[in-house]
Amino acid sequence: MYICIMAGISIQEAKNQLQQLIELASKGEEVILTKSGKPLARIIPYKPTRIERKSGQ
């Protein structure tokens, strides 16, 4: 299956293909969700932030 990420994907299509979009994001791809052809949201890979902890605080 081919999904055009550069032009975005409609919310309705995203509902039907959510699992595939999540897999793409987990591989580093960014997916733009559109409504009426306008960018509305994006699915991006999760990158945990590491916070340095200092002892005693």
Protein backbone atom coordinates (compact mmCIF):
# COMPACT_ATOMS: atom_id res chain seq x y z
CA MET A 1 0.00 0.00 0.00
CA TYR A 2 1.27 3.47 -0.90
CA ILE A 3 0.33 6.54 1.10
CA CYS A 4 1.27 10.00 -0.14
CA ILE A 5 2.66 11.72 2.93
CA MET A 6 4.04 14.86 1.32
CA ALA A 7 0.62 16.10 0.15
CA GLY A 8 -1.09 14.91 3.32
CA ILE A 9 -3.91 12.50 3.94
CA SER A 10 -7.53 13.33 4.71
CA ILE A 11 -8.92 12.60 8.13
CA GLN A 12 -11.42 10.16 6.64
CA GLU A 13 -8.62 8.20 4.94
CA ALA A 14 -6.60 8.31 8.16
CA LYS A 15 -9.47 6.72 10.07
CA ASN A 16 -9.37 3.79 7.67
CA GLN A 17 -5.57 3.48 7.66
CA LEU A 18 -4.59 4.45 11.21
CA GLN A 19 -2.51 1.34 11.88
CA GLN A 20 -0.42 1.87 8.72
CA LEU A 21 0.07 5.57 9.54
CA ILE A 22 1.28 4.71 13.03
CA GLU A 23 3.72 2.20 11.57
CA LEU A 24 5.06 4.87 9.20
CA ALA A 25 5.50 7.31 12.08
CA SER A 26 7.31 4.68 14.14
CA LYS A 27 9.78 4.34 11.25
CA GLY A 28 10.53 8.09 11.33
CA GLU A 29 8.01 9.39 8.79
CA GLU A 30 5.86 12.46 9.41
CA VAL A 31 2.23 12.22 8.30
CA ILE A 32 0.14 15.35 7.73
CA LEU A 33 -3.62 15.06 8.29
CA THR A 34 -5.77 17.39 6.21
CA LYS A 35 -9.36 18.59 6.25
CA SER A 36 -10.76 20.11 3.07
CA GLY A 37 -7.24 20.06 1.65
CA LYS A 38 -5.78 22.19 4.46
CA PRO A 39 -3.21 20.86 6.96
CA LEU A 40 -4.83 20.25 10.33
CA ALA A 41 -2.59 17.94 12.38
CA ARG A 42 0.40 15.68 12.07
CA ILE A 43 1.52 12.30 13.28
CA ILE A 44 5.20 12.25 14.17
CA PRO A 45 7.50 9.67 15.72
CA TYR A 46 7.64 9.66 19.52
CA LYS A 47 11.02 10.64 20.88
CA PRO A 48 11.34 10.36 24.65
CA THR A 49 13.11 13.25 26.31
CA ARG A 50 15.70 12.40 28.87
CA ILE A 51 15.73 14.65 31.89
CA GLU A 52 18.86 14.60 34.00
CA ARG A 53 18.05 14.07 37.61
CA LYS A 54 20.19 15.41 40.38
CA SER A 55 20.34 13.46 43.58
CA GLY A 56 18.92 15.15 46.67
CA GLN A 57 16.46 17.35 44.82
